[in-house]
PDB file of N, CA and C in Angstrom:
ATOM      1  N   UNK A   1     198.736-144.643 -37.351  1.00  0.00           N
ATOM      2  CA  UNK A   1     198.326-143.341 -37.851  1.00  0.00           C
ATOM      3  C   UNK A   1     196.798-143.331 -37.959  1.00  0.00           C
ATOM      4  N   UNK A   2     196.226-142.188 -37.669  1.00  0.00           N
ATOM      5  CA  UNK A   2     194.778-142.043 -37.694  1.00  0.00           C
ATOM      6  C   UNK A   2     194.335-141.220 -38.891  1.00  0.00           C
ATOM      7  N   UNK A   3     193.159-141.492 -39.378  1.00  0.00           N
ATOM      8  CA  UNK A   3     192.519-140.652 -40.376  1.00  0.00           C
ATOM      9  C   UNK A   3     191.390-139.929 -39.681  1.00  0.00           C
ATOM     10  N   UNK A   4     191.278-138.650 -39.950  1.00  0.00           N
ATOM     11  CA  UNK A   4     190.232-137.853 -39.333  1.00  0.00           C
ATOM     12  C   UNK A   4     189.289-137.345 -40.413  1.00  0.00           C
ATOM     13  N   UNK A   5     188.023-137.392 -40.127  1.00  0.00           N
ATOM     14  CA  UNK A   5     186.998-136.897 -41.041  1.00  0.00           C
ATOM     15  C   UNK A   5     186.200-135.826 -40.315  1.00  0.00           C
ATOM     16  N   UNK A   6     186.038-134.712 -40.958  1.00  0.00           N
ATOM     17  CA  UNK A   6     185.261-133.636 -40.382  1.00  0.00           C
ATOM     18  C   UNK A   6     183.929-133.570 -41.115  1.00  0.00           C
ATOM     19  N   UNK A   7     182.871-133.781 -40.373  1.00  0.00           N
ATOM     20  CA  UNK A   7     181.535-133.717 -40.948  1.00  0.00           C
ATOM     21  C   UNK A   7     180.836-132.528 -40.316  1.00  0.00           C
ATOM     22  N   UNK A   8     180.482-131.589 -41.144  1.00  0.00           N
ATOM     23  CA  UNK A   8     179.807-130.397 -40.655  1.00  0.00           C
ATOM     24  C   UNK A   8     178.570-130.151 -41.501  1.00  0.00           C
ATOM     25  N   UNK A   9     177.755-129.264 -41.042  1.00  0.00           N
ATOM     26  CA  UNK A   9     176.531-128.935 -41.756  1.00  0.00           C
ATOM     27  C   UNK A   9     176.836-128.350 -43.136  1.00  0.00           C
ATOM     28  N   UNK A  10     177.969-127.686 -43.293  1.00  0.00           N
ATOM     29  CA  UNK A  10     178.225-127.004 -44.564  1.00  0.00           C
ATOM     30  C   UNK A  10     178.485-127.952 -45.716  1.00  0.00           C
ATOM     31  N   UNK A  11     178.884-129.181 -45.450  1.00  0.00           N
ATOM     32  CA  UNK A  11     179.206-130.054 -46.577  1.00  0.00           C
ATOM     33  C   UNK A  11     178.328-131.294 -46.675  1.00  0.00           C
ATOM     34  N   UNK A  12     177.219-131.308 -45.968  1.00  0.00           N
ATOM     35  CA  UNK A  12     176.297-132.427 -46.065  1.00  0.00           C
ATOM     36  C   UNK A  12     175.085-132.042 -46.905  1.00  0.00           C
ATOM     37  N   UNK A  13     174.652-132.951 -47.724  1.00  0.00           N
ATOM     38  CA  UNK A  13     173.459-132.698 -48.536  1.00  0.00           C
ATOM     39  C   UNK A  13     172.210-132.879 -47.679  1.00  0.00           C
ATOM     40  N   UNK A  14     171.246-132.047 -47.932  1.00  0.00           N
ATOM     41  CA  UNK A  14     169.964-132.154 -47.249  1.00  0.00           C
ATOM     42  C   UNK A  14     168.871-132.164 -48.310  1.00  0.00           C
ATOM     43  N   UNK A  15     168.040-133.168 -48.271  1.00  0.00           N
ATOM     44  CA  UNK A  15     166.971-133.299 -49.261  1.00  0.00           C
ATOM     45  C   UNK A  15     166.104-132.039 -49.266  1.00  0.00           C
ATOM     46  N   UNK A  16     165.871-131.499 -50.443  1.00  0.00           N
ATOM     47  CA  UNK A  16     165.017-130.331 -50.581  1.00  0.00           C
ATOM     48  C   UNK A  16     165.725-129.001 -50.385  1.00  0.00           C
ATOM     49  N   UNK A  17     167.008-129.034 -50.031  1.00  0.00           N
ATOM     50  CA  UNK A  17     167.750-127.786 -49.818  1.00  0.00           C
ATOM     51  C   UNK A  17     168.392-127.384 -51.131  1.00  0.00           C
ATOM     52  N   UNK A  18     167.808-126.409 -51.810  1.00  0.00           N
ATOM     53  CA  UNK A  18     168.288-126.014 -53.130  1.00  0.00           C
ATOM     54  C   UNK A  18     168.779-124.583 -53.195  1.00  0.00           C
ATOM     55  N   UNK A  19     168.467-123.777 -52.176  1.00  0.00           N
ATOM     56  CA  UNK A  19     168.949-122.391 -52.163  1.00  0.00           C
ATOM     57  C   UNK A  19     169.062-121.895 -50.733  1.00  0.00           C
ATOM     58  N   UNK A  20     169.891-120.871 -50.549  1.00  0.00           N
ATOM     59  CA  UNK A  20     170.068-120.274 -49.238  1.00  0.00           C
ATOM     60  C   UNK A  20     168.918-119.314 -48.956  1.00  0.00           C
ATOM     61  N   UNK A  21     168.921-118.744 -47.771  1.00  0.00           N
ATOM     62  CA  UNK A  21     167.899-117.756 -47.439  1.00  0.00           C
ATOM     63  C   UNK A  21     168.015-116.527 -48.329  1.00  0.00           C
ATOM     64  N   UNK A  22     169.206-116.290 -48.876  1.00  0.00           N
ATOM     65  CA  UNK A  22     169.418-115.170 -49.798  1.00  0.00           C
ATOM     66  C   UNK A  22     169.170-115.543 -51.251  1.00  0.00           C
ATOM     67  N   UNK A  23     168.533-116.684 -51.491  1.00  0.00           N
ATOM     68  CA  UNK A  23     168.186-117.187 -52.826  1.00  0.00           C
ATOM     69  C   UNK A  23     169.388-117.542 -53.690  1.00  0.00           C
ATOM     70  N   UNK A  24     170.503-117.922 -53.056  1.00  0.00           N
ATOM     71  CA  UNK A  24     171.679-118.389 -53.777  1.00  0.00           C
ATOM     72  C   UNK A  24     171.596-119.904 -53.904  1.00  0.00           C
ATOM     73  N   UNK A  25     171.851-120.420 -55.113  1.00  0.00           N
ATOM     74  CA  UNK A  25     171.822-121.871 -55.304  1.00  0.00           C
ATOM     75  C   UNK A  25     172.930-122.519 -54.476  1.00  0.00           C
ATOM     76  N   UNK A  26     172.621-123.682 -53.932  1.00  0.00           N
ATOM     77  CA  UNK A  26     173.599-124.416 -53.122  1.00  0.00           C
ATOM     78  C   UNK A  26     173.990-125.709 -53.821  1.00  0.00           C
ATOM     79  N   UNK A  27     175.059-126.314 -53.332  1.00  0.00           N
ATOM     80  CA  UNK A  27     175.570-127.589 -53.812  1.00  0.00           C
ATOM     81  C   UNK A  27     176.112-127.536 -55.230  1.00  0.00           C
ATOM     82  N   UNK A  28     176.472-126.342 -55.698  1.00  0.00           N
ATOM     83  CA  UNK A  28     177.155-126.213 -56.980  1.00  0.00           C
ATOM     84  C   UNK A  28     178.653-126.234 -56.712  1.00  0.00           C
ATOM     85  N   UNK A  29     179.460-126.368 -57.749  1.00  0.00           N
ATOM     86  CA  UNK A  29     180.913-126.346 -57.577  1.00  0.00           C
ATOM     87  C   UNK A  29     181.376-125.005 -57.013  1.00  0.00           C
ATOM     88  N   UNK A  30     180.809-123.911 -57.510  1.00  0.00           N
ATOM     89  CA  UNK A  30     181.155-122.575 -57.004  1.00  0.00           C
ATOM     90  C   UNK A  30     180.828-122.440 -55.535  1.00  0.00           C
ATOM     91  N   UNK A  31     179.656-122.900 -55.151  1.00  0.00           N
ATOM     92  CA  UNK A  31     179.213-122.828 -53.764  1.00  0.00           C
ATOM     93  C   UNK A  31     180.159-123.614 -52.862  1.00  0.00           C
ATOM     94  N   UNK A  32     180.528-124.842 -53.286  1.00  0.00           N
ATOM     95  CA  UNK A  32     181.412-125.670 -52.470  1.00  0.00           C
ATOM     96  C   UNK A  32     182.804-125.060 -52.371  1.00  0.00           C
ATOM     97  N   UNK A  33     183.313-124.478 -53.458  1.00  0.00           N
ATOM     98  CA  UNK A  33     184.612-123.803 -53.398  1.00  0.00           C
ATOM     99  C   UNK A  33     184.592-122.689 -52.360  1.00  0.00           C
ATOM    100  N   UNK A  34     183.513-121.927 -52.339  1.00  0.00           N
ATOM    101  CA  UNK A  34     183.371-120.848 -51.368  1.00  0.00           C
ATOM    102  C   UNK A  34     183.296-121.400 -49.948  1.00  0.00           C
ATOM    103  N   UNK A  35     182.548-122.473 -49.757  1.00  0.00           N
ATOM    104  CA  UNK A  35     182.426-123.071 -48.425  1.00  0.00           C
ATOM    105  C   UNK A  35     183.773-123.581 -47.927  1.00  0.00           C
ATOM    106  N   UNK A  36     184.545-124.197 -48.813  1.00  0.00           N
ATOM    107  CA  UNK A  36     185.866-124.691 -48.416  1.00  0.00           C
ATOM    108  C   UNK A  36     186.808-123.545 -48.077  1.00  0.00           C
ATOM    109  N   UNK A  37     186.717-122.460 -48.815  1.00  0.00           N
ATOM    110  CA  UNK A  37     187.525-121.272 -48.521  1.00  0.00           C
ATOM    111  C   UNK A  37     187.175-120.719 -47.133  1.00  0.00           C
ATOM    112  N   UNK A  38     185.902-120.637 -46.829  1.00  0.00           N
ATOM    113  CA  UNK A  38     185.474-120.169 -45.503  1.00  0.00           C
ATOM    114  C   UNK A  38     185.948-121.119 -44.411  1.00  0.00           C
ATOM    115  N   UNK A  39     185.857-122.416 -44.663  1.00  0.00           N
ATOM    116  CA  UNK A  39     186.321-123.397 -43.684  1.00  0.00           C
ATOM    117  C   UNK A  39     187.807-123.219 -43.394  1.00  0.00           C
ATOM    118  N   UNK A  40     188.596-123.093 -44.447  1.00  0.00           N
ATOM    119  CA  UNK A  40     190.035-122.915 -44.255  1.00  0.00           C
ATOM    120  C   UNK A  40     190.337-121.626 -43.499  1.00  0.00           C
ATOM    121  N   UNK A  41     189.608-120.584 -43.798  1.00  0.00           N
ATOM    122  CA  UNK A  41     189.849-119.285 -43.178  1.00  0.00           C
ATOM    123  C   UNK A  41     189.493-119.273 -41.697  1.00  0.00           C
ATOM    124  N   UNK A  42     188.376-119.883 -41.325  1.00  0.00           N
ATOM    125  CA  UNK A  42     187.872-119.749 -39.958  1.00  0.00           C
ATOM    126  C   UNK A  42     188.019-120.997 -39.084  1.00  0.00           C
ATOM    127  N   UNK A  43     188.163-122.171 -39.670  1.00  0.00           N
ATOM    128  CA  UNK A  43     188.136-123.388 -38.866  1.00  0.00           C
ATOM    129  C   UNK A  43     189.427-124.205 -38.909  1.00  0.00           C
ATOM    130  N   UNK A  44     190.123-124.161 -39.989  1.00  0.00           N
ATOM    131  CA  UNK A  44     191.275-125.028 -40.183  1.00  0.00           C
ATOM    132  C   UNK A  44     192.542-124.288 -39.780  1.00  0.00           C
ATOM    133  N   UNK A  45     193.078-124.638 -38.648  1.00  0.00           N
ATOM    134  CA  UNK A  45     194.292-123.972 -38.150  1.00  0.00           C
ATOM    135  C   UNK A  45     195.529-124.684 -38.690  1.00  0.00           C
ATOM    136  N   UNK A  46     196.352-123.914 -39.318  1.00  0.00           N
ATOM    137  CA  UNK A  46     197.614-124.469 -39.827  1.00  0.00           C
ATOM    138  C   UNK A  46     198.734-124.064 -38.893  1.00  0.00           C
ATOM    139  N   UNK A  47     199.634-124.995 -38.660  1.00  0.00           N
ATOM    140  CA  UNK A  47     200.773-124.719 -37.757  1.00  0.00           C
ATOM    141  C   UNK A  47     201.885-124.054 -38.500  1.00  0.00           C
TER     142      UNK A  47
END
């Protein structure tokens, strides 16, 4: 059995990245919940 890891730009920390272009804070629990919701909606295909 294999384990798969998905590494994307949305879930990696970047030094000095503290807000989006729209001045929304990043890397908070709320922000990550939203990112995971978007990932599930657009990228994660369920059979």
